């Protein structure tokens, strides 16, 4: 499962435009989450969403409804790439 950085950047920008929330997609290496794409400069990672064993999303704040949308959309992106 490999997804392009451009696709991940586009996904993060769509979420930002739609909800006004900055997120970053990360690759997970055990306990370490490594930035891949998104608005990582202004995030402290208050909320972490593990999408699967390899990918996750961080945000400062994330309402449950938006969290569910992000999980579903990113899972679909990863499955189709």
N, C-alpha and C. Protein backbone atom coordinates (compact mmCIF):
# COMPACT_ATOMS: atom_id res chain seq x y z
N UNK A 1 0.85 -1.17 0.00
CA UNK A 1 0.00 0.00 0.00
C UNK A 1 0.90 1.24 0.00
N UNK A 2 0.91 1.94 -1.11
CA UNK A 2 1.70 3.15 -1.21
C UNK A 2 0.85 4.27 -1.80
N UNK A 3 0.91 5.42 -1.21
CA UNK A 3 0.11 6.56 -1.65
C UNK A 3 1.05 7.74 -1.85
N UNK A 4 0.77 8.56 -2.85
CA UNK A 4 1.66 9.67 -3.14
C UNK A 4 1.51 10.80 -2.14
N UNK A 5 2.59 11.53 -1.95
CA UNK A 5 2.57 12.68 -1.06
C UNK A 5 1.58 13.73 -1.58
N UNK A 6 1.51 13.89 -2.91
CA UNK A 6 0.58 14.86 -3.51
C UNK A 6 -0.87 14.52 -3.16
N UNK A 7 -1.21 13.25 -3.17
CA UNK A 7 -2.57 12.81 -2.82
C UNK A 7 -2.86 13.12 -1.36
N UNK A 8 -1.89 12.85 -0.49
CA UNK A 8 -2.07 13.13 0.93
C UNK A 8 -2.18 14.63 1.20
N UNK A 9 -1.36 15.44 0.51
CA UNK A 9 -1.42 16.90 0.65
C UNK A 9 -2.80 17.41 0.23
N UNK A 10 -3.29 16.90 -0.88
CA UNK A 10 -4.60 17.31 -1.38
C UNK A 10 -5.70 16.95 -0.38
N UNK A 11 -5.62 15.78 0.20
CA UNK A 11 -6.58 15.34 1.20
C UNK A 11 -6.57 16.29 2.41
N UNK A 12 -5.39 16.62 2.89
CA UNK A 12 -5.27 17.52 4.05
C UNK A 12 -5.83 18.91 3.73
N UNK A 13 -5.57 19.40 2.54
CA UNK A 13 -6.08 20.71 2.13
C UNK A 13 -7.60 20.71 2.02
N UNK A 14 -8.17 19.62 1.51
CA UNK A 14 -9.63 19.51 1.42
C UNK A 14 -10.27 19.57 2.80
N UNK A 15 -9.70 18.85 3.75
CA UNK A 15 -10.23 18.86 5.12
C UNK A 15 -10.12 20.27 5.71
N UNK A 16 -9.00 20.94 5.46
CA UNK A 16 -8.80 22.29 5.97
C UNK A 16 -9.82 23.26 5.38
N UNK A 17 -10.05 23.19 4.08
CA UNK A 17 -11.02 24.09 3.43
C UNK A 17 -12.44 23.81 3.90
N UNK A 18 -12.79 22.54 4.03
CA UNK A 18 -14.16 22.16 4.38
C UNK A 18 -14.48 22.44 5.85
N UNK A 19 -13.52 22.16 6.76
CA UNK A 19 -13.80 22.23 8.19
C UNK A 19 -12.97 23.28 8.94
N UNK A 20 -11.97 23.86 8.28
CA UNK A 20 -11.12 24.84 8.95
C UNK A 20 -10.20 24.22 9.99
N UNK A 21 -9.87 22.94 9.79
CA UNK A 21 -9.04 22.22 10.73
C UNK A 21 -7.75 21.80 10.04
N UNK A 22 -6.63 22.05 10.68
CA UNK A 22 -5.33 21.63 10.15
C UNK A 22 -5.02 20.22 10.63
N UNK A 23 -4.66 19.36 9.66
CA UNK A 23 -4.27 18.00 10.00
C UNK A 23 -2.97 17.66 9.28
N UNK A 24 -2.33 16.61 9.74
CA UNK A 24 -1.15 16.08 9.07
C UNK A 24 -1.27 14.56 9.04
N UNK A 25 -0.87 13.98 7.93
CA UNK A 25 -0.83 12.53 7.80
C UNK A 25 0.58 12.07 8.16
N UNK A 26 0.65 11.02 8.95
CA UNK A 26 1.93 10.52 9.43
C UNK A 26 2.09 9.04 9.11
N UNK A 27 3.33 8.62 9.01
CA UNK A 27 3.64 7.20 8.91
C UNK A 27 4.04 6.75 10.32
N UNK A 28 3.52 5.60 10.72
CA UNK A 28 3.72 5.12 12.08
C UNK A 28 4.83 4.06 12.10
N UNK A 29 5.79 4.30 12.99
CA UNK A 29 6.88 3.36 13.23
C UNK A 29 6.89 3.04 14.71
N UNK A 30 6.11 2.06 15.12
CA UNK A 30 6.00 1.74 16.54
C UNK A 30 5.32 2.87 17.29
N UNK A 31 6.03 3.48 18.24
CA UNK A 31 5.48 4.62 18.99
C UNK A 31 5.73 5.95 18.28
N UNK A 32 6.59 5.96 17.29
CA UNK A 32 6.96 7.20 16.60
C UNK A 32 6.05 7.45 15.40
N UNK A 33 5.53 8.68 15.31
CA UNK A 33 4.70 9.11 14.19
C UNK A 33 5.51 10.13 13.39
N UNK A 34 5.81 9.80 12.16
CA UNK A 34 6.65 10.62 11.32
C UNK A 34 5.81 11.37 10.28
N UNK A 35 5.96 12.69 10.24
CA UNK A 35 5.20 13.55 9.33
C UNK A 35 5.42 13.15 7.87
N UNK A 36 4.31 13.05 7.10
CA UNK A 36 4.38 12.80 5.66
C UNK A 36 3.84 13.96 4.85
N UNK A 37 2.67 14.49 5.26
CA UNK A 37 2.02 15.54 4.47
C UNK A 37 1.02 16.30 5.34
N UNK A 38 0.70 17.52 4.89
CA UNK A 38 -0.31 18.31 5.58
C UNK A 38 0.28 19.53 6.24
N UNK A 39 -0.47 20.06 7.19
CA UNK A 39 -0.11 21.29 7.88
C UNK A 39 0.62 20.98 9.18
N UNK A 40 1.79 20.41 9.09
CA UNK A 40 2.51 19.95 10.27
C UNK A 40 3.19 21.03 11.07
N UNK A 41 3.40 22.21 10.49
CA UNK A 41 4.16 23.26 11.17
C UNK A 41 3.47 23.79 12.42
N UNK A 42 2.13 23.85 12.41
CA UNK A 42 1.42 24.45 13.54
C UNK A 42 0.66 23.42 14.38
N UNK A 43 1.05 22.17 14.29
CA UNK A 43 0.37 21.12 15.05
C UNK A 43 1.22 20.65 16.21
N UNK A 44 0.59 20.41 17.33
CA UNK A 44 1.28 19.83 18.47
C UNK A 44 0.82 18.38 18.70
N UNK A 45 -0.14 17.91 17.91
CA UNK A 45 -0.57 16.52 17.98
C UNK A 45 -1.42 16.17 19.16
N UNK A 46 -2.34 17.04 19.53
CA UNK A 46 -3.22 16.77 20.66
C UNK A 46 -4.14 15.58 20.43
N UNK A 47 -4.46 15.32 19.16
CA UNK A 47 -5.34 14.22 18.79
C UNK A 47 -4.61 13.35 17.77
N UNK A 48 -4.58 12.06 18.01
CA UNK A 48 -4.01 11.12 17.06
C UNK A 48 -5.08 10.12 16.65
N UNK A 49 -5.16 9.88 15.34
CA UNK A 49 -6.09 8.89 14.81
C UNK A 49 -5.25 7.84 14.08
N UNK A 50 -5.28 6.63 14.55
CA UNK A 50 -4.57 5.54 13.88
C UNK A 50 -5.51 4.99 12.81
N UNK A 51 -5.12 5.15 11.54
CA UNK A 51 -5.93 4.66 10.42
C UNK A 51 -5.70 3.16 10.23
N UNK A 52 -4.46 2.76 10.27
CA UNK A 52 -4.08 1.34 10.22
C UNK A 52 -2.72 1.21 10.91
N UNK A 53 -2.04 0.11 10.72
CA UNK A 53 -0.75 -0.09 11.39
C UNK A 53 0.35 0.81 10.84
N UNK A 54 0.14 1.38 9.64
CA UNK A 54 1.17 2.16 8.96
C UNK A 54 0.91 3.66 8.95
N UNK A 55 -0.35 4.07 8.87
CA UNK A 55 -0.68 5.49 8.71
C UNK A 55 -1.59 6.00 9.83
N UNK A 56 -1.41 7.29 10.13
CA UNK A 56 -2.25 7.95 11.12
C UNK A 56 -2.37 9.42 10.79
N UNK A 57 -3.25 10.10 11.50
CA UNK A 57 -3.49 11.53 11.32
C UNK A 57 -3.36 12.21 12.68
N UNK A 58 -2.72 13.38 12.68
CA UNK A 58 -2.68 14.18 13.91
C UNK A 58 -3.36 15.52 13.68
N UNK A 59 -3.91 16.06 14.74
CA UNK A 59 -4.57 17.37 14.72
C UNK A 59 -4.51 17.94 16.12
N UNK A 60 -4.71 19.23 16.22
CA UNK A 60 -4.75 19.85 17.55
C UNK A 60 -6.07 19.55 18.24
N UNK A 61 -7.16 19.68 17.50
CA UNK A 61 -8.50 19.39 18.01
C UNK A 61 -9.27 18.72 16.88
N UNK A 62 -10.20 17.83 17.24
CA UNK A 62 -10.94 17.13 16.21
C UNK A 62 -12.28 16.64 16.75
N UNK A 63 -13.39 17.28 16.36
CA UNK A 63 -14.70 16.80 16.77
C UNK A 63 -14.94 15.37 16.26
N UNK A 64 -15.74 14.60 16.97
CA UNK A 64 -15.97 13.19 16.63
C UNK A 64 -16.51 13.00 15.22
N UNK A 65 -17.43 13.85 14.78
CA UNK A 65 -18.02 13.71 13.44
C UNK A 65 -16.95 13.87 12.35
N UNK A 66 -16.06 14.82 12.54
CA UNK A 66 -14.99 15.05 11.56
C UNK A 66 -13.97 13.92 11.65
N UNK A 67 -13.72 13.43 12.85
CA UNK A 67 -12.80 12.31 13.05
C UNK A 67 -13.26 11.10 12.25
N UNK A 68 -14.56 10.81 12.31
CA UNK A 68 -15.11 9.67 11.57
C UNK A 68 -14.99 9.88 10.06
N UNK A 69 -15.23 11.10 9.60
CA UNK A 69 -15.09 11.40 8.17
C UNK A 69 -13.65 11.20 7.70
N UNK A 70 -12.70 11.71 8.48
CA UNK A 70 -11.29 11.58 8.12
C UNK A 70 -10.89 10.11 8.07
N UNK A 71 -11.29 9.34 9.07
CA UNK A 71 -10.96 7.91 9.10
C UNK A 71 -11.50 7.20 7.86
N UNK A 72 -12.75 7.46 7.52
CA UNK A 72 -13.37 6.80 6.39
C UNK A 72 -12.73 7.21 5.07
N UNK A 73 -12.53 8.50 4.87
CA UNK A 73 -11.98 8.98 3.59
C UNK A 73 -10.53 8.55 3.40
N UNK A 74 -9.72 8.63 4.44
CA UNK A 74 -8.32 8.25 4.30
C UNK A 74 -8.18 6.74 4.12
N UNK A 75 -9.01 5.97 4.80
CA UNK A 75 -9.01 4.53 4.61
C UNK A 75 -9.33 4.19 3.16
N UNK A 76 -10.35 4.85 2.60
CA UNK A 76 -10.71 4.64 1.19
C UNK A 76 -9.55 5.01 0.26
N UNK A 77 -8.90 6.15 0.53
CA UNK A 77 -7.75 6.57 -0.29
C UNK A 77 -6.64 5.53 -0.26
N UNK A 78 -6.35 5.01 0.91
CA UNK A 78 -5.28 4.04 1.05
C UNK A 78 -5.62 2.72 0.36
N UNK A 79 -6.88 2.34 0.39
CA UNK A 79 -7.29 1.09 -0.24
C UNK A 79 -7.28 1.19 -1.76
N UNK A 80 -7.50 2.38 -2.29
CA UNK A 80 -7.57 2.55 -3.75
C UNK A 80 -6.23 2.94 -4.35
N UNK A 81 -5.21 3.15 -3.54
CA UNK A 81 -3.91 3.55 -4.08
C UNK A 81 -2.98 2.36 -4.24
